Amino acid sequence: GFEATVVEASWFGNQPVSLPLGEDFHAKRLNIRSSQVGNIATVQRSRWNYRRRMATVMELLDDPALDGLISGESPFIDLPKIMSELSQNPSGILCHRIDYRPVELVR
């Protein structure tokens, strides 16, 4: 939308990224913001200390609405097979969860 903000939340390392800044970028006055999960913005640091962030995360993770984002789950031992399957047919996959518990606890 007009004057919208796009938050870039991934990490590309030292890889070049192509970003088209023509067309709608200027006409709609779009903003690009970067985010880094390991740091809190300076203006928020006094309000969001480690304890408050962890408490909020645990509360949000307990929300059943989050379950709607998970499209599947597999044990870690199956990761090579699952990654191959997901890359060949990504349709309908939003977030496939990997269970890192020892396999005897998963199966």
Protein backbone atom coordinates (compact mmCIF):
# COMPACT_ATOMS: atom_id res chain seq x y z
CA GLY A 1 0.00 0.00 0.00
CA PHE A 2 0.89 3.66 -0.05
CA GLU A 3 3.78 4.56 2.29
CA ALA A 4 3.99 0.93 3.43
CA THR A 5 7.03 -0.47 5.18
CA VAL A 6 8.67 -3.71 4.09
CA VAL A 7 10.68 -5.39 6.86
CA GLU A 8 13.57 -7.50 5.61
CA ALA A 9 14.01 -10.19 8.25
CA SER A 10 16.31 -12.66 6.53
CA TRP A 11 20.08 -12.77 6.35
CA PHE A 12 21.90 -12.98 3.05
CA GLY A 13 25.46 -12.99 4.42
CA ASN A 14 27.78 -11.69 1.73
CA GLN A 15 25.48 -12.67 -1.16
CA PRO A 16 24.40 -9.90 -3.53
CA VAL A 17 20.67 -9.22 -3.63
CA SER A 18 18.79 -7.71 -6.55
CA LEU A 19 16.12 -5.28 -5.39
CA PRO A 20 14.04 -3.36 -7.95
CA LEU A 21 13.69 0.22 -6.73
CA GLY A 22 11.77 1.59 -9.72
CA GLU A 23 8.07 1.46 -10.54
CA ASP A 24 6.01 1.46 -7.32
CA PHE A 25 8.93 1.98 -4.95
CA HIS A 26 9.09 5.76 -5.43
CA ALA A 27 5.50 6.37 -6.52
CA LYS A 28 4.10 4.68 -3.41
CA ARG A 29 6.81 6.07 -1.10
CA LEU A 30 7.71 2.62 0.18
CA ASN A 31 10.12 2.13 3.06
CA ILE A 32 12.57 -0.73 3.57
CA ARG A 33 13.64 -1.65 7.10
CA SER A 34 16.08 -4.31 8.17
CA SER A 35 15.60 -6.37 11.28
CA GLN A 36 17.94 -8.56 13.28
CA VAL A 37 16.47 -11.05 15.72
CA GLY A 38 19.46 -10.90 18.07
CA ASN A 39 19.20 -7.17 18.76
CA ILE A 40 16.54 -4.79 20.01
CA ALA A 41 16.27 -1.27 18.64
CA THR A 42 18.02 1.23 20.89
CA VAL A 43 14.80 3.11 21.64
CA GLN A 44 13.14 -0.14 22.82
CA ARG A 45 15.98 -1.62 24.91
CA SER A 46 14.89 -0.08 28.20
CA ARG A 47 11.37 -1.56 27.82
CA TRP A 48 12.24 -4.95 26.32
CA ASN A 49 14.87 -6.52 28.53
CA TYR A 50 15.77 -10.21 28.19
CA ARG A 51 13.29 -11.39 30.83
CA ARG A 52 10.35 -9.54 29.24
CA ARG A 53 11.26 -10.76 25.74
CA MET A 54 11.46 -14.38 26.91
CA ALA A 55 8.16 -14.14 28.80
CA THR A 56 6.46 -12.68 25.72
CA VAL A 57 7.93 -15.34 23.43
CA MET A 58 6.77 -18.15 25.72
CA GLU A 59 3.29 -16.64 25.89
CA LEU A 60 3.08 -16.29 22.11
CA LEU A 61 4.37 -19.83 21.53
CA ASP A 62 1.59 -21.14 23.75
CA ASP A 63 -1.09 -19.48 21.59
CA PRO A 64 -3.05 -22.13 19.62
CA ALA A 65 -3.21 -19.73 16.65
CA LEU A 66 0.45 -20.55 16.02
CA ASP A 67 -0.48 -24.18 15.29
CA GLY A 68 -2.29 -23.01 12.15
CA LEU A 69 1.05 -21.93 10.69
CA ILE A 70 2.62 -25.39 11.02
CA SER A 71 1.99 -27.47 7.91
CA GLY A 72 3.88 -30.57 9.01
CA GLU A 73 6.43 -32.04 11.39
CA SER A 74 9.25 -34.57 11.05
CA PRO A 75 11.99 -35.97 13.28
CA PHE A 76 15.50 -34.62 12.67
CA ILE A 77 16.73 -38.01 11.49
CA ASP A 78 14.39 -37.71 8.47
CA LEU A 79 15.63 -34.22 7.53
CA PRO A 80 17.55 -35.17 4.33
CA LYS A 81 14.50 -36.98 2.92
CA ILE A 82 12.06 -34.27 4.05
CA MET A 83 14.18 -31.43 2.60
CA SER A 84 14.28 -33.20 -0.74
CA GLU A 85 10.50 -33.72 -0.70
CA LEU A 86 9.79 -30.13 0.35
CA SER A 87 12.08 -28.65 -2.29
CA GLN A 88 10.46 -30.74 -5.03
CA ASN A 89 6.89 -29.92 -3.97
CA PRO A 90 6.73 -26.75 -1.83
CA SER A 91 3.06 -26.07 -2.60
CA GLY A 92 1.02 -25.60 0.56
CA ILE A 93 4.06 -25.67 2.85
CA LEU A 94 4.19 -22.70 5.17
CA CYS A 95 6.32 -23.99 8.02
CA HIS A 96 7.48 -27.59 8.36
CA ARG A 97 8.65 -28.14 11.93
CA ILE A 98 11.68 -30.32 12.71
CA ASP A 99 11.67 -32.22 16.01
CA TYR A 100 15.19 -32.40 17.47
CA ARG A 101 14.36 -34.76 20.32
CA PRO A 102 16.12 -38.15 20.29
CA VAL A 103 14.36 -40.42 17.79
CA GLU A 104 13.22 -42.88 20.48
CA LEU A 105 11.15 -40.08 22.05
CA VAL A 106 9.60 -39.01 18.74
CA ARG A 107 8.42 -42.29 17.20
